[in-house]
N, C-alpha and C. Protein backbone atom coordinates (compact mmCIF):
# COMPACT_ATOMS: atom_id res chain seq x y z
N MET A 1 119.49 -4.00 -139.50
CA MET A 1 118.53 -3.20 -138.76
C MET A 1 117.29 -2.99 -139.63
N SER A 2 116.19 -2.88 -138.97
CA SER A 2 114.90 -2.84 -139.65
C SER A 2 114.76 -1.61 -140.54
N SER A 3 114.08 -1.78 -141.67
CA SER A 3 113.80 -0.65 -142.54
C SER A 3 112.34 -0.22 -142.43
N ASP A 4 111.51 -0.96 -141.69
CA ASP A 4 110.11 -0.64 -141.51
C ASP A 4 109.97 0.41 -140.41
N PRO A 5 109.55 1.64 -140.75
CA PRO A 5 109.47 2.69 -139.74
C PRO A 5 108.39 2.43 -138.69
N LYS A 6 107.42 1.56 -138.98
CA LYS A 6 106.37 1.26 -138.01
C LYS A 6 106.80 0.20 -137.01
N GLN A 7 107.85 -0.54 -137.36
CA GLN A 7 108.34 -1.60 -136.49
C GLN A 7 109.10 -0.98 -135.31
N LYS A 8 108.74 -1.39 -134.11
CA LYS A 8 109.38 -0.86 -132.91
C LYS A 8 110.65 -1.65 -132.61
N CYS A 9 111.64 -0.93 -132.10
CA CYS A 9 112.90 -1.55 -131.69
C CYS A 9 112.85 -1.82 -130.20
N VAL A 10 112.92 -3.10 -129.85
CA VAL A 10 112.98 -3.51 -128.45
C VAL A 10 114.36 -4.08 -128.18
N VAL A 11 115.06 -3.48 -127.24
CA VAL A 11 116.33 -4.03 -126.79
C VAL A 11 116.01 -4.89 -125.58
N LEU A 12 116.30 -6.17 -125.69
CA LEU A 12 116.02 -7.13 -124.62
C LEU A 12 117.32 -7.42 -123.89
N GLY A 13 117.40 -6.96 -122.66
CA GLY A 13 118.56 -7.22 -121.82
C GLY A 13 118.36 -8.50 -121.03
N VAL A 14 119.37 -9.36 -121.04
CA VAL A 14 119.30 -10.63 -120.33
C VAL A 14 120.49 -10.69 -119.38
N THR A 15 120.20 -10.94 -118.09
CA THR A 15 121.26 -10.96 -117.09
C THR A 15 121.41 -12.36 -116.50
N GLY A 16 122.41 -12.54 -115.65
CA GLY A 16 122.83 -13.84 -115.15
C GLY A 16 121.97 -14.44 -114.07
N SER A 17 120.73 -14.72 -114.39
CA SER A 17 119.80 -15.39 -113.49
C SER A 17 119.43 -16.74 -114.11
N ILE A 18 119.08 -17.71 -113.28
CA ILE A 18 118.63 -18.99 -113.80
C ILE A 18 117.42 -18.79 -114.72
N ALA A 19 116.66 -17.73 -114.50
CA ALA A 19 115.49 -17.43 -115.34
C ALA A 19 115.88 -16.94 -116.73
N ALA A 20 117.16 -16.82 -117.02
CA ALA A 20 117.60 -16.35 -118.34
C ALA A 20 117.07 -17.24 -119.46
N TYR A 21 116.84 -18.52 -119.17
CA TYR A 21 116.33 -19.41 -120.22
C TYR A 21 114.96 -18.94 -120.72
N LYS A 22 114.21 -18.22 -119.88
CA LYS A 22 112.89 -17.74 -120.29
C LYS A 22 112.98 -16.58 -121.29
N SER A 23 114.16 -16.00 -121.42
CA SER A 23 114.33 -14.90 -122.38
C SER A 23 114.17 -15.40 -123.81
N ALA A 24 114.39 -16.68 -124.05
CA ALA A 24 114.19 -17.24 -125.40
C ALA A 24 112.72 -17.12 -125.79
N GLU A 25 111.83 -17.52 -124.90
CA GLU A 25 110.40 -17.41 -125.17
C GLU A 25 109.99 -15.94 -125.31
N LEU A 26 110.56 -15.09 -124.47
CA LEU A 26 110.22 -13.67 -124.52
C LEU A 26 110.68 -13.05 -125.84
N ALA A 27 111.88 -13.36 -126.28
CA ALA A 27 112.37 -12.84 -127.57
C ALA A 27 111.46 -13.30 -128.70
N SER A 28 111.07 -14.56 -128.67
CA SER A 28 110.19 -15.10 -129.70
C SER A 28 108.84 -14.39 -129.71
N LEU A 29 108.26 -14.16 -128.54
CA LEU A 29 106.97 -13.46 -128.45
C LEU A 29 107.08 -12.04 -128.99
N LEU A 30 108.14 -11.34 -128.65
CA LEU A 30 108.32 -9.96 -129.11
C LEU A 30 108.46 -9.90 -130.63
N VAL A 31 109.17 -10.86 -131.21
CA VAL A 31 109.30 -10.92 -132.67
C VAL A 31 107.94 -11.20 -133.29
N LYS A 32 107.18 -12.13 -132.71
CA LYS A 32 105.85 -12.45 -133.22
C LYS A 32 104.91 -11.24 -133.13
N GLN A 33 105.14 -10.36 -132.16
CA GLN A 33 104.34 -9.14 -132.04
C GLN A 33 104.74 -8.11 -133.10
N GLY A 34 105.79 -8.41 -133.87
CA GLY A 34 106.20 -7.54 -134.96
C GLY A 34 107.31 -6.57 -134.64
N HIS A 35 108.01 -6.81 -133.54
CA HIS A 35 109.07 -5.89 -133.14
C HIS A 35 110.44 -6.33 -133.65
N ASP A 36 111.31 -5.37 -133.82
CA ASP A 36 112.70 -5.61 -134.17
C ASP A 36 113.43 -5.77 -132.84
N VAL A 37 113.86 -6.99 -132.51
CA VAL A 37 114.40 -7.31 -131.19
C VAL A 37 115.92 -7.48 -131.28
N PHE A 38 116.60 -6.74 -130.43
CA PHE A 38 118.05 -6.85 -130.30
C PHE A 38 118.36 -7.28 -128.88
N VAL A 39 119.03 -8.41 -128.73
CA VAL A 39 119.35 -8.94 -127.41
C VAL A 39 120.74 -8.49 -127.00
N VAL A 40 120.83 -8.03 -125.76
CA VAL A 40 122.11 -7.66 -125.16
C VAL A 40 122.22 -8.47 -123.87
N MET A 41 123.26 -9.29 -123.78
CA MET A 41 123.43 -10.19 -122.65
C MET A 41 124.63 -9.79 -121.81
N THR A 42 124.50 -9.98 -120.50
CA THR A 42 125.70 -9.86 -119.66
C THR A 42 126.51 -11.14 -119.84
N ARG A 43 127.76 -11.08 -119.46
CA ARG A 43 128.63 -12.26 -119.57
C ARG A 43 128.05 -13.42 -118.76
N ASP A 44 127.50 -13.12 -117.57
CA ASP A 44 126.93 -14.18 -116.73
C ASP A 44 125.69 -14.80 -117.35
N ALA A 45 124.91 -14.03 -118.10
CA ALA A 45 123.72 -14.57 -118.75
C ALA A 45 124.10 -15.68 -119.73
N ALA A 46 125.25 -15.51 -120.38
CA ALA A 46 125.69 -16.50 -121.37
C ALA A 46 126.08 -17.83 -120.73
N GLU A 47 126.16 -17.88 -119.41
CA GLU A 47 126.37 -19.14 -118.70
C GLU A 47 125.07 -19.95 -118.62
N PHE A 48 123.93 -19.28 -118.77
CA PHE A 48 122.62 -19.93 -118.65
C PHE A 48 121.96 -20.20 -119.99
N ILE A 49 122.20 -19.36 -120.98
CA ILE A 49 121.60 -19.51 -122.31
C ILE A 49 122.60 -18.95 -123.33
N THR A 50 122.68 -19.60 -124.48
CA THR A 50 123.69 -19.18 -125.45
C THR A 50 123.23 -17.98 -126.27
N PRO A 51 124.18 -17.13 -126.65
CA PRO A 51 123.84 -16.04 -127.55
C PRO A 51 123.26 -16.55 -128.88
N LEU A 52 123.74 -17.70 -129.36
CA LEU A 52 123.24 -18.23 -130.62
C LEU A 52 121.74 -18.51 -130.56
N THR A 53 121.25 -19.03 -129.45
CA THR A 53 119.82 -19.28 -129.29
C THR A 53 119.04 -17.98 -129.45
N LEU A 54 119.49 -16.93 -128.77
CA LEU A 54 118.78 -15.66 -128.80
C LEU A 54 118.96 -14.94 -130.15
N GLN A 55 120.08 -15.14 -130.79
CA GLN A 55 120.29 -14.58 -132.13
C GLN A 55 119.33 -15.22 -133.12
N THR A 56 119.17 -16.52 -133.02
CA THR A 56 118.27 -17.23 -133.93
C THR A 56 116.83 -16.78 -133.73
N LEU A 57 116.40 -16.64 -132.49
CA LEU A 57 115.01 -16.26 -132.20
C LEU A 57 114.73 -14.79 -132.49
N SER A 58 115.72 -13.93 -132.25
CA SER A 58 115.52 -12.49 -132.49
C SER A 58 115.77 -12.09 -133.94
N LYS A 59 116.51 -12.93 -134.65
CA LYS A 59 116.89 -12.66 -136.04
C LYS A 59 117.82 -11.46 -136.18
N ASN A 60 118.56 -11.18 -135.10
CA ASN A 60 119.52 -10.08 -135.07
C ASN A 60 120.76 -10.51 -134.28
N PRO A 61 121.89 -9.86 -134.53
CA PRO A 61 123.09 -10.17 -133.74
C PRO A 61 122.84 -9.91 -132.26
N VAL A 62 123.52 -10.68 -131.42
CA VAL A 62 123.43 -10.53 -129.97
C VAL A 62 124.72 -9.92 -129.46
N SER A 63 124.59 -8.93 -128.61
CA SER A 63 125.76 -8.27 -128.03
C SER A 63 126.02 -8.82 -126.64
N THR A 64 127.27 -9.21 -126.39
CA THR A 64 127.67 -9.69 -125.07
C THR A 64 128.85 -8.91 -124.50
N SER A 65 129.46 -8.08 -125.35
CA SER A 65 130.69 -7.39 -124.94
C SER A 65 130.85 -6.11 -125.76
N PHE A 66 131.55 -5.16 -125.20
CA PHE A 66 131.88 -3.96 -125.97
C PHE A 66 132.73 -4.34 -127.19
N PHE A 67 133.42 -5.46 -127.13
CA PHE A 67 134.30 -5.86 -128.21
C PHE A 67 133.55 -6.53 -129.36
N ASP A 68 132.24 -6.69 -129.23
CA ASP A 68 131.40 -7.17 -130.33
C ASP A 68 131.18 -6.08 -131.36
N GLU A 69 131.54 -4.87 -131.04
CA GLU A 69 131.14 -3.70 -131.81
C GLU A 69 132.21 -3.26 -132.81
N LYS A 70 132.69 -4.15 -133.64
CA LYS A 70 133.79 -3.84 -134.54
C LYS A 70 133.37 -3.52 -135.96
N GLU A 71 132.07 -3.68 -136.28
CA GLU A 71 131.62 -3.51 -137.66
C GLU A 71 131.42 -2.06 -138.07
N ASN A 72 131.31 -1.16 -137.14
CA ASN A 72 130.86 0.18 -137.43
C ASN A 72 131.74 1.18 -136.69
N TRP A 73 131.85 2.37 -137.21
CA TRP A 73 132.62 3.40 -136.51
C TRP A 73 131.88 3.89 -135.27
N ARG A 74 130.54 3.77 -135.29
CA ARG A 74 129.72 4.24 -134.18
C ARG A 74 129.56 3.10 -133.17
N PRO A 75 129.79 3.34 -131.88
CA PRO A 75 129.64 2.27 -130.90
C PRO A 75 128.25 1.66 -130.94
N GLY A 76 128.19 0.33 -131.01
CA GLY A 76 126.93 -0.38 -131.13
C GLY A 76 125.99 -0.14 -129.97
N HIS A 77 126.55 -0.01 -128.76
CA HIS A 77 125.67 0.20 -127.61
C HIS A 77 125.00 1.57 -127.67
N ILE A 78 125.68 2.57 -128.23
CA ILE A 78 125.06 3.89 -128.37
C ILE A 78 124.03 3.87 -129.49
N GLU A 79 124.33 3.16 -130.56
CA GLU A 79 123.36 3.03 -131.65
C GLU A 79 122.08 2.36 -131.16
N LEU A 80 122.20 1.29 -130.36
CA LEU A 80 121.02 0.63 -129.82
C LEU A 80 120.29 1.53 -128.82
N ALA A 81 121.03 2.26 -128.02
CA ALA A 81 120.41 3.19 -127.07
C ALA A 81 119.57 4.22 -127.80
N ASP A 82 120.08 4.70 -128.93
CA ASP A 82 119.36 5.71 -129.72
C ASP A 82 118.16 5.11 -130.45
N ARG A 83 118.28 3.89 -130.96
CA ARG A 83 117.21 3.27 -131.75
C ARG A 83 116.08 2.70 -130.91
N ALA A 84 116.37 2.36 -129.67
CA ALA A 84 115.40 1.65 -128.83
C ALA A 84 114.14 2.46 -128.60
N ASN A 85 113.00 1.79 -128.79
CA ASN A 85 111.73 2.34 -128.35
C ASN A 85 111.43 1.85 -126.94
N LEU A 86 112.04 0.72 -126.57
CA LEU A 86 111.87 0.15 -125.24
C LEU A 86 113.11 -0.66 -124.90
N LEU A 87 113.60 -0.46 -123.68
CA LEU A 87 114.65 -1.31 -123.13
C LEU A 87 113.98 -2.19 -122.09
N LEU A 88 113.93 -3.48 -122.37
CA LEU A 88 113.30 -4.46 -121.50
C LEU A 88 114.39 -5.36 -120.93
N ILE A 89 114.54 -5.37 -119.62
CA ILE A 89 115.55 -6.22 -118.99
C ILE A 89 114.82 -7.33 -118.25
N ALA A 90 114.95 -8.55 -118.78
CA ALA A 90 114.23 -9.69 -118.23
C ALA A 90 115.02 -10.97 -118.49
N PRO A 91 115.56 -11.60 -117.50
CA PRO A 91 115.48 -11.26 -116.08
C PRO A 91 116.53 -10.23 -115.70
N ALA A 92 116.24 -9.53 -114.61
CA ALA A 92 117.19 -8.56 -114.06
C ALA A 92 117.63 -9.03 -112.68
N THR A 93 118.92 -9.16 -112.50
CA THR A 93 119.47 -9.59 -111.21
C THR A 93 119.59 -8.38 -110.28
N ALA A 94 119.78 -8.68 -108.99
CA ALA A 94 120.01 -7.62 -108.00
C ALA A 94 121.25 -6.81 -108.37
N ASN A 95 122.27 -7.48 -108.89
CA ASN A 95 123.50 -6.80 -109.27
C ASN A 95 123.27 -5.78 -110.39
N VAL A 96 122.56 -6.18 -111.43
CA VAL A 96 122.32 -5.26 -112.54
C VAL A 96 121.41 -4.12 -112.10
N ILE A 97 120.42 -4.40 -111.27
CA ILE A 97 119.56 -3.33 -110.75
C ILE A 97 120.42 -2.32 -109.97
N ALA A 98 121.36 -2.81 -109.18
CA ALA A 98 122.26 -1.92 -108.43
C ALA A 98 123.13 -1.10 -109.37
N GLU A 99 123.67 -1.75 -110.41
CA GLU A 99 124.50 -1.02 -111.38
C GLU A 99 123.70 0.11 -112.04
N LEU A 100 122.47 -0.19 -112.43
CA LEU A 100 121.65 0.82 -113.09
C LEU A 100 121.31 1.97 -112.13
N ALA A 101 121.00 1.64 -110.89
CA ALA A 101 120.66 2.67 -109.91
C ALA A 101 121.83 3.60 -109.65
N HIS A 102 123.04 3.08 -109.77
CA HIS A 102 124.23 3.88 -109.46
C HIS A 102 124.96 4.38 -110.71
N GLY A 103 124.36 4.17 -111.88
CA GLY A 103 124.92 4.73 -113.10
C GLY A 103 126.20 4.08 -113.57
N LEU A 104 126.42 2.82 -113.22
CA LEU A 104 127.62 2.12 -113.67
C LEU A 104 127.39 1.57 -115.08
N ALA A 105 128.44 1.53 -115.87
CA ALA A 105 128.32 1.06 -117.26
C ALA A 105 129.49 0.14 -117.58
N ARG A 106 129.56 -0.97 -116.88
CA ARG A 106 130.67 -1.92 -117.04
C ARG A 106 130.48 -2.89 -118.19
N HIS A 107 129.29 -2.95 -118.75
CA HIS A 107 128.99 -3.86 -119.86
C HIS A 107 127.98 -3.17 -120.76
N PRO A 108 127.80 -3.65 -121.99
CA PRO A 108 126.92 -2.97 -122.94
C PRO A 108 125.50 -2.75 -122.44
N LEU A 109 124.92 -3.71 -121.71
CA LEU A 109 123.55 -3.53 -121.24
C LEU A 109 123.43 -2.32 -120.32
N ALA A 110 124.33 -2.19 -119.37
CA ALA A 110 124.30 -1.05 -118.45
C ALA A 110 124.59 0.25 -119.19
N ALA A 111 125.48 0.21 -120.18
CA ALA A 111 125.79 1.42 -120.96
C ALA A 111 124.57 1.86 -121.77
N ILE A 112 123.84 0.90 -122.33
CA ILE A 112 122.61 1.24 -123.07
C ILE A 112 121.60 1.86 -122.13
N ALA A 113 121.43 1.28 -120.95
CA ALA A 113 120.48 1.82 -119.98
C ALA A 113 120.85 3.25 -119.59
N LEU A 114 122.13 3.53 -119.49
CA LEU A 114 122.58 4.87 -119.12
C LEU A 114 122.40 5.86 -120.27
N ALA A 115 122.52 5.39 -121.50
CA ALA A 115 122.49 6.29 -122.66
C ALA A 115 121.11 6.45 -123.31
N THR A 116 120.20 5.50 -123.08
CA THR A 116 118.93 5.55 -123.80
C THR A 116 117.97 6.57 -123.19
N ARG A 117 117.11 7.08 -124.03
CA ARG A 117 116.01 7.94 -123.58
C ARG A 117 114.69 7.20 -123.72
N ALA A 118 114.77 5.92 -124.09
CA ALA A 118 113.58 5.07 -124.23
C ALA A 118 113.06 4.67 -122.86
N GLN A 119 111.80 4.26 -122.83
CA GLN A 119 111.21 3.69 -121.62
C GLN A 119 112.00 2.44 -121.24
N ILE A 120 112.21 2.24 -119.94
CA ILE A 120 112.87 1.04 -119.44
C ILE A 120 111.87 0.25 -118.61
N LEU A 121 111.78 -1.05 -118.90
CA LEU A 121 110.94 -1.97 -118.15
C LEU A 121 111.84 -3.07 -117.61
N ILE A 122 111.77 -3.30 -116.31
CA ILE A 122 112.62 -4.29 -115.66
C ILE A 122 111.75 -5.38 -115.03
N ALA A 123 112.12 -6.64 -115.30
CA ALA A 123 111.46 -7.81 -114.70
C ALA A 123 112.50 -8.53 -113.84
N PRO A 124 112.50 -8.26 -112.54
CA PRO A 124 113.50 -8.87 -111.65
C PRO A 124 113.31 -10.36 -111.46
N ALA A 125 114.41 -11.05 -111.18
CA ALA A 125 114.40 -12.47 -110.81
C ALA A 125 115.60 -12.72 -109.92
N MET A 126 115.32 -13.12 -108.69
CA MET A 126 116.40 -13.37 -107.73
C MET A 126 115.85 -14.06 -106.50
N ASN A 127 116.72 -14.46 -105.62
CA ASN A 127 116.33 -15.01 -104.34
C ASN A 127 115.51 -13.98 -103.57
N GLY A 128 114.49 -14.44 -102.86
CA GLY A 128 113.60 -13.54 -102.14
C GLY A 128 114.30 -12.69 -101.10
N LYS A 129 115.31 -13.24 -100.43
CA LYS A 129 116.06 -12.46 -99.44
C LYS A 129 116.81 -11.32 -100.12
N MET A 130 117.31 -11.59 -101.32
CA MET A 130 118.00 -10.53 -102.07
C MET A 130 117.01 -9.45 -102.50
N TRP A 131 115.83 -9.88 -102.98
CA TRP A 131 114.82 -8.92 -103.41
C TRP A 131 114.39 -8.03 -102.24
N GLU A 132 114.17 -8.61 -101.08
CA GLU A 132 113.67 -7.87 -99.93
C GLU A 132 114.74 -7.09 -99.19
N HIS A 133 116.00 -7.28 -99.53
CA HIS A 133 117.08 -6.57 -98.85
C HIS A 133 116.90 -5.06 -99.03
N PRO A 134 117.14 -4.28 -97.97
CA PRO A 134 116.97 -2.82 -98.09
C PRO A 134 117.77 -2.19 -99.22
N ALA A 135 118.95 -2.71 -99.52
CA ALA A 135 119.75 -2.14 -100.61
C ALA A 135 119.04 -2.32 -101.94
N THR A 136 118.49 -3.51 -102.18
CA THR A 136 117.77 -3.75 -103.43
C THR A 136 116.53 -2.87 -103.49
N GLN A 137 115.80 -2.78 -102.40
CA GLN A 137 114.59 -1.97 -102.39
C GLN A 137 114.90 -0.49 -102.60
N GLU A 138 116.01 -0.02 -102.06
CA GLU A 138 116.43 1.37 -102.31
C GLU A 138 116.80 1.57 -103.78
N ASN A 139 117.48 0.59 -104.35
CA ASN A 139 117.85 0.69 -105.77
C ASN A 139 116.62 0.70 -106.66
N VAL A 140 115.63 -0.13 -106.34
CA VAL A 140 114.38 -0.14 -107.09
C VAL A 140 113.67 1.20 -106.96
N ALA A 141 113.61 1.73 -105.74
CA ALA A 141 112.97 3.03 -105.52
C ALA A 141 113.67 4.14 -106.30
N THR A 142 115.00 4.09 -106.33
CA THR A 142 115.77 5.08 -107.09
C THR A 142 115.41 5.01 -108.57
N LEU A 143 115.37 3.81 -109.12
CA LEU A 143 115.05 3.65 -110.54
C LEU A 143 113.62 4.06 -110.83
N LYS A 144 112.70 3.70 -109.96
CA LYS A 144 111.30 4.11 -110.16
C LYS A 144 111.18 5.63 -110.15
N SER A 145 111.95 6.30 -109.29
CA SER A 145 111.90 7.76 -109.23
C SER A 145 112.41 8.40 -110.53
N ARG A 146 113.14 7.63 -111.32
CA ARG A 146 113.65 8.09 -112.62
C ARG A 146 112.76 7.66 -113.77
N GLY A 147 111.62 7.06 -113.46
CA GLY A 147 110.67 6.67 -114.50
C GLY A 147 110.80 5.25 -115.00
N VAL A 148 111.68 4.46 -114.40
CA VAL A 148 111.81 3.06 -114.80
C VAL A 148 110.61 2.30 -114.24
N GLU A 149 110.03 1.43 -115.07
CA GLU A 149 108.90 0.60 -114.63
C GLU A 149 109.39 -0.80 -114.30
N PHE A 150 108.71 -1.41 -113.34
CA PHE A 150 109.02 -2.78 -112.92
C PHE A 150 107.78 -3.64 -113.09
N ILE A 151 108.01 -4.90 -113.45
CA ILE A 151 106.95 -5.90 -113.47
C ILE A 151 107.49 -7.10 -112.69
N GLY A 152 106.86 -7.38 -111.55
CA GLY A 152 107.30 -8.46 -110.69
C GLY A 152 108.32 -8.00 -109.69
N PRO A 153 108.89 -8.95 -109.00
CA PRO A 153 108.81 -10.39 -109.17
C PRO A 153 107.54 -10.98 -108.56
N GLU A 154 107.32 -12.28 -108.83
CA GLU A 154 106.17 -12.95 -108.26
C GLU A 154 106.61 -13.99 -107.23
N GLU A 155 105.63 -14.48 -106.49
CA GLU A 155 105.90 -15.50 -105.48
C GLU A 155 105.80 -16.89 -106.07
N GLY A 156 106.54 -17.81 -105.48
CA GLY A 156 106.50 -19.20 -105.92
C GLY A 156 107.76 -19.92 -105.49
N MET A 157 107.95 -21.11 -106.02
CA MET A 157 109.16 -21.87 -105.73
C MET A 157 110.33 -21.26 -106.49
N LEU A 158 111.40 -20.98 -105.77
CA LEU A 158 112.58 -20.36 -106.37
C LEU A 158 113.63 -21.42 -106.68
N ALA A 159 114.53 -21.11 -107.59
CA ALA A 159 115.56 -22.06 -108.00
C ALA A 159 116.44 -22.48 -106.82
N CYS A 160 116.58 -21.62 -105.82
CA CYS A 160 117.42 -21.93 -104.66
C CYS A 160 116.74 -22.90 -103.70
N GLY A 161 115.48 -23.26 -103.98
CA GLY A 161 114.77 -24.20 -103.13
C GLY A 161 113.83 -23.55 -102.13
N TYR A 162 113.92 -22.24 -102.01
CA TYR A 162 113.01 -21.52 -101.11
C TYR A 162 111.68 -21.23 -101.81
N GLU A 163 110.66 -21.09 -101.01
CA GLU A 163 109.35 -20.63 -101.49
C GLU A 163 109.26 -19.16 -101.10
N GLY A 164 108.86 -18.30 -102.03
CA GLY A 164 108.72 -16.88 -101.69
C GLY A 164 108.77 -16.01 -102.93
N ILE A 165 108.95 -14.72 -102.68
CA ILE A 165 108.98 -13.75 -103.77
C ILE A 165 110.36 -13.77 -104.43
N GLY A 166 110.37 -13.55 -105.74
CA GLY A 166 111.64 -13.49 -106.45
C GLY A 166 111.60 -14.11 -107.84
N ARG A 167 110.54 -14.84 -108.15
CA ARG A 167 110.42 -15.48 -109.46
C ARG A 167 110.19 -14.44 -110.55
N LEU A 168 110.71 -14.72 -111.72
CA LEU A 168 110.43 -13.89 -112.88
C LEU A 168 108.93 -13.90 -113.15
N TRP A 169 108.38 -12.74 -113.46
CA TRP A 169 106.96 -12.63 -113.79
C TRP A 169 106.68 -13.50 -115.01
N LYS A 170 105.46 -13.86 -115.24
CA LYS A 170 105.09 -14.70 -116.38
C LYS A 170 105.49 -14.01 -117.69
N VAL A 171 106.12 -14.78 -118.57
CA VAL A 171 106.65 -14.25 -119.83
C VAL A 171 105.55 -13.60 -120.68
N ASP A 172 104.40 -14.23 -120.77
CA ASP A 172 103.29 -13.65 -121.55
C ASP A 172 102.90 -12.28 -121.00
N ASP A 173 102.88 -12.15 -119.69
CA ASP A 173 102.51 -10.87 -119.07
C ASP A 173 103.59 -9.81 -119.28
N ILE A 174 104.86 -10.23 -119.28
CA ILE A 174 105.94 -9.28 -119.57
C ILE A 174 105.81 -8.77 -121.00
N ALA A 175 105.56 -9.67 -121.94
CA ALA A 175 105.39 -9.27 -123.34
C ALA A 175 104.18 -8.36 -123.50
N PHE A 176 103.10 -8.66 -122.79
CA PHE A 176 101.90 -7.82 -122.83
C PHE A 176 102.20 -6.42 -122.30
N ARG A 177 102.95 -6.35 -121.19
CA ARG A 177 103.30 -5.03 -120.62
C ARG A 177 104.20 -4.25 -121.57
N ALA A 178 105.13 -4.93 -122.21
CA ALA A 178 105.99 -4.28 -123.20
C ALA A 178 105.15 -3.70 -124.33
N GLU A 179 104.20 -4.50 -124.81
CA GLU A 179 103.32 -4.05 -125.90
C GLU A 179 102.50 -2.84 -125.45
N PHE A 180 102.02 -2.85 -124.21
CA PHE A 180 101.26 -1.73 -123.67
C PHE A 180 102.11 -0.45 -123.65
N LEU A 181 103.34 -0.57 -123.18
CA LEU A 181 104.22 0.61 -123.11
C LEU A 181 104.54 1.15 -124.50
N LEU A 182 104.72 0.26 -125.46
CA LEU A 182 104.99 0.71 -126.83
C LEU A 182 103.75 1.37 -127.44
N ALA A 183 102.58 0.82 -127.18
CA ALA A 183 101.33 1.42 -127.69
C ALA A 183 101.08 2.78 -127.03
N ARG A 184 101.42 2.88 -125.75
CA ARG A 184 101.26 4.16 -125.05
C ARG A 184 102.13 5.25 -125.68
N GLN A 185 103.32 4.85 -126.13
CA GLN A 185 104.20 5.80 -126.83
C GLN A 185 103.52 6.32 -128.09
N ASP A 186 102.89 5.41 -128.84
CA ASP A 186 102.18 5.80 -130.06
C ASP A 186 101.07 6.78 -129.75
N ASN A 187 100.34 6.54 -128.68
CA ASN A 187 99.23 7.43 -128.28
C ASN A 187 99.73 8.79 -127.85
N LEU A 188 100.90 8.85 -127.24
CA LEU A 188 101.48 10.13 -126.81
C LEU A 188 101.92 10.95 -128.02
N ILE A 189 102.37 10.25 -129.07
CA ILE A 189 102.85 10.92 -130.28
C ILE A 189 101.68 11.38 -131.13
N ALA A 190 100.61 10.59 -131.18
CA ALA A 190 99.46 10.89 -132.05
C ALA A 190 98.71 12.12 -131.63
């Protein structure tokens, strides 16, 4: 864990969307911005991109399970929840958005979201019909009412072959928004 007190801790949550491969570029950008990046993946995310890839790019261990947390007496997901200056979930599936809206903590990412007091930024990626479904929209509204910020999704060609809304927002723009939220925290403290 970082010893530089000026370095911000960004917990990057990666969920089981085809857009998970873009999290590699996002992790790299966040590290280049000078942040201490810790990746937490759902089990389904590991079907799209390997933890080793994200560990190499973030320069920190990647958490995929509560059982990864054997090195310390303190649960790793609670330690990350406490250390995080920002929890960024990109991509976020409809399922994970629903879990967060309903306070479920079945995996480390959801547990961190439930335990952290840091700002949460979510970048959804899913089929447009799933995004537009009233259940998803209610879950998004619930999270927004709790102060969670969203970036995207955008319109374009989707992995399922449909054209429409549901694509992950541009990675550069997600990193820029993360940087903005972290800088805003500094301005609130100053």
